Amino acid sequence: MEAFGLYDQTGMLTVAVTPSFAAKWLVHRIEHFNRADPDVDIRMTTSMNLSDYARDGIEIGVRYVKGDYGACCRSICCRPRSSRSAAPGC
C-alpha cells in the first residue's frame, strides 16, 4: 500500500464506498485484509454522495457510476453479471 502512496504517514487508509457495497462486500473482507497487512488501519466512510477526495482525505473510493465525473481516476473493477430466472406459473 505504501508503494502506491495510498495511505498517510499514520498508516491509515481512508476508503469511501456506498452503504450497500460496504455491507454486502467490503465488511466481509476487512479481516482478511487486516491479517495480510496489519500495519494499515482502514477508515471506512459510507455515503451515496460522491465525496471530495482531496478535501476529505480519501485515498480510495468505490462507486458504481455512469457518465463523466471529471478529474476522477476510474477503473472497471468488474463487469455486471446478469441472470434470468423464472418461477412456475409465470
C-alpha atoms as a PDB file:
ATOM      1  CA  MET A   1       0.000   0.000   0.000  1.00  0.00           C
ATOM      2  CA  GLU A   2       2.805   2.395   0.862  1.00  0.00           C
ATOM      3  CA  ALA A   3       4.449   1.838  -2.532  1.00  0.00           C
ATOM      4  CA  PHE A   4       1.323   3.265  -4.156  1.00  0.00           C
ATOM      5  CA  GLY A   5       1.069   6.206  -1.747  1.00  0.00           C
ATOM      6  CA  LEU A   6      -2.379   5.057  -0.709  1.00  0.00           C
ATOM      7  CA  TYR A   7      -2.253   5.782   2.964  1.00  0.00           C
ATOM      8  CA  ASP A   8      -0.929   8.658   5.007  1.00  0.00           C
ATOM      9  CA  GLN A   9       2.008   8.727   7.412  1.00  0.00           C
ATOM     10  CA  THR A  10      -0.130   7.432  10.263  1.00  0.00           C
ATOM     11  CA  GLY A  11      -0.768   4.167   8.423  1.00  0.00           C
ATOM     12  CA  MET A  12      -4.433   4.963   7.884  1.00  0.00           C
ATOM     13  CA  LEU A  13      -6.183   4.179   4.612  1.00  0.00           C
ATOM     14  CA  THR A  14      -9.448   6.059   4.086  1.00  0.00           C
ATOM     15  CA  VAL A  15     -11.953   4.318   1.822  1.00  0.00           C
ATOM     16  CA  ALA A  16     -15.242   5.845   0.604  1.00  0.00           C
ATOM     17  CA  VAL A  17     -17.956   3.428  -0.512  1.00  0.00           C
ATOM     18  CA  THR A  18     -21.704   3.215  -0.798  1.00  0.00           C
ATOM     19  CA  PRO A  19     -23.539   1.755   2.198  1.00  0.00           C
ATOM     20  CA  SER A  20     -24.688  -1.275   0.203  1.00  0.00           C
ATOM     21  CA  PHE A  21     -21.168  -2.062  -1.057  1.00  0.00           C
ATOM     22  CA  ALA A  22     -19.812  -1.774   2.477  1.00  0.00           C
ATOM     23  CA  ALA A  23     -22.459  -4.091   3.930  1.00  0.00           C
ATOM     24  CA  LYS A  24     -22.606  -6.673   1.162  1.00  0.00           C
ATOM     25  CA  TRP A  25     -18.967  -6.945   0.111  1.00  0.00           C
ATOM     26  CA  LEU A  26     -16.312  -4.896   1.901  1.00  0.00           C
ATOM     27  CA  VAL A  27     -17.084  -5.555   5.562  1.00  0.00           C
ATOM     28  CA  HIS A  28     -16.766  -9.307   4.996  1.00  0.00           C
ATOM     29  CA  ARG A  29     -13.236  -8.868   3.609  1.00  0.00           C
ATOM     30  CA  ILE A  30     -11.745  -6.381   6.088  1.00  0.00           C
ATOM     31  CA  GLU A  31     -10.497  -9.084   8.483  1.00  0.00           C
ATOM     32  CA  HIS A  32      -8.606 -10.847   5.685  1.00  0.00           C
ATOM     33  CA  PHE A  33      -7.025  -7.529   4.659  1.00  0.00           C
ATOM     34  CA  ASN A  34      -6.028  -6.783   8.263  1.00  0.00           C
ATOM     35  CA  ARG A  35      -4.289 -10.157   8.567  1.00  0.00           C
ATOM     36  CA  ALA A  36      -2.444  -9.608   5.276  1.00  0.00           C
ATOM     37  CA  ASP A  37      -1.377  -6.026   6.071  1.00  0.00           C
ATOM     38  CA  PRO A  38      -1.643  -5.384   9.836  1.00  0.00           C
ATOM     39  CA  ASP A  39       0.199  -2.038   9.654  1.00  0.00           C
ATOM     40  CA  VAL A  40      -2.688  -0.388   7.778  1.00  0.00           C
ATOM     41  CA  ASP A  41      -5.705   0.886   9.683  1.00  0.00           C
ATOM     42  CA  ILE A  42      -8.787   1.207   7.492  1.00  0.00           C
ATOM     43  CA  ARG A  43     -11.183   4.087   7.961  1.00  0.00           C
ATOM     44  CA  MET A  44     -14.373   3.494   6.003  1.00  0.00           C
ATOM     45  CA  THR A  45     -16.837   6.235   5.155  1.00  0.00           C
ATOM     46  CA  THR A  46     -20.179   5.417   3.566  1.00  0.00           C
ATOM     47  CA  SER A  47     -22.400   7.711   1.566  1.00  0.00           C
ATOM     48  CA  MET A  48     -24.465   7.750  -1.587  1.00  0.00           C
ATOM     49  CA  ASN A  49     -22.930  11.137  -2.453  1.00  0.00           C
ATOM     50  CA  LEU A  50     -19.712  11.484  -4.403  1.00  0.00           C
ATOM     51  CA  SER A  51     -17.056  12.710  -1.962  1.00  0.00           C
ATOM     52  CA  ASP A  52     -14.445  15.402  -2.432  1.00  0.00           C
ATOM     53  CA  TYR A  53     -11.475  13.076  -2.031  1.00  0.00           C
ATOM     54  CA  ALA A  54      -8.834  15.782  -1.589  1.00  0.00           C
ATOM     55  CA  ARG A  55     -10.859  17.769   0.964  1.00  0.00           C
ATOM     56  CA  ASP A  56     -11.968  14.694   2.932  1.00  0.00           C
ATOM     57  CA  GLY A  57      -8.596  12.891   2.862  1.00  0.00           C
ATOM     58  CA  ILE A  58      -9.952   9.872   0.986  1.00  0.00           C
ATOM     59  CA  GLU A  59      -7.398   7.668  -0.753  1.00  0.00           C
ATOM     60  CA  ILE A  60      -9.727   5.128  -2.397  1.00  0.00           C
ATOM     61  CA  GLY A  61     -13.362   5.282  -3.458  1.00  0.00           C
ATOM     62  CA  VAL A  62     -15.554   2.576  -4.906  1.00  0.00           C
ATOM     63  CA  ARG A  63     -18.663   3.632  -6.787  1.00  0.00           C
ATOM     64  CA  TYR A  64     -20.974   2.368  -9.491  1.00  0.00           C
ATOM     65  CA  VAL A  65     -21.294   5.310 -11.829  1.00  0.00           C
ATOM     66  CA  LYS A  66     -22.425   6.144 -15.300  1.00  0.00           C
ATOM     67  CA  GLY A  67     -21.248   9.257 -17.065  1.00  0.00           C
ATOM     68  CA  ASP A  68     -18.337  11.625 -16.751  1.00  0.00           C
ATOM     69  CA  TYR A  69     -17.058  12.590 -13.341  1.00  0.00           C
ATOM     70  CA  GLY A  70     -14.341  14.988 -14.458  1.00  0.00           C
ATOM     71  CA  ALA A  71     -10.996  14.569 -12.749  1.00  0.00           C
ATOM     72  CA  CYS A  72     -11.842  11.264 -11.079  1.00  0.00           C
ATOM     73  CA  CYS A  73      -9.488   8.457 -11.941  1.00  0.00           C
ATOM     74  CA  ARG A  74     -11.616   5.429 -12.619  1.00  0.00           C
ATOM     75  CA  SER A  75     -11.123   1.772 -13.373  1.00  0.00           C
ATOM     76  CA  ILE A  76     -13.542  -1.012 -14.060  1.00  0.00           C
ATOM     77  CA  CYS A  77     -13.271  -3.482 -11.202  1.00  0.00           C
ATOM     78  CA  CYS A  78     -15.779  -5.967 -12.516  1.00  0.00           C
ATOM     79  CA  ARG A  79     -18.411  -6.300 -15.175  1.00  0.00           C
ATOM     80  CA  PRO A  80     -22.062  -6.532 -14.175  1.00  0.00           C
ATOM     81  CA  ARG A  81     -23.469 -10.029 -14.287  1.00  0.00           C
ATOM     82  CA  SER A  82     -26.958 -10.756 -15.421  1.00  0.00           C
ATOM     83  CA  SER A  83     -29.050 -13.813 -14.953  1.00  0.00           C
ATOM     84  CA  ARG A  84     -32.522 -14.877 -15.869  1.00  0.00           C
ATOM     85  CA  SER A  85     -34.861 -16.643 -13.578  1.00  0.00           C
ATOM     86  CA  ALA A  86     -38.421 -17.822 -13.763  1.00  0.00           C
ATOM     87  CA  ALA A  87     -40.981 -19.166 -11.366  1.00  0.00           C
ATOM     88  CA  PRO A  88     -43.628 -21.766 -12.108  1.00  0.00           C
ATOM     89  CA  GLY A  89     -46.897 -20.232 -13.183  1.00  0.00           C
ATOM     90  CA  CYS A  90     -45.411 -17.019 -14.587  1.00  0.00           C
END
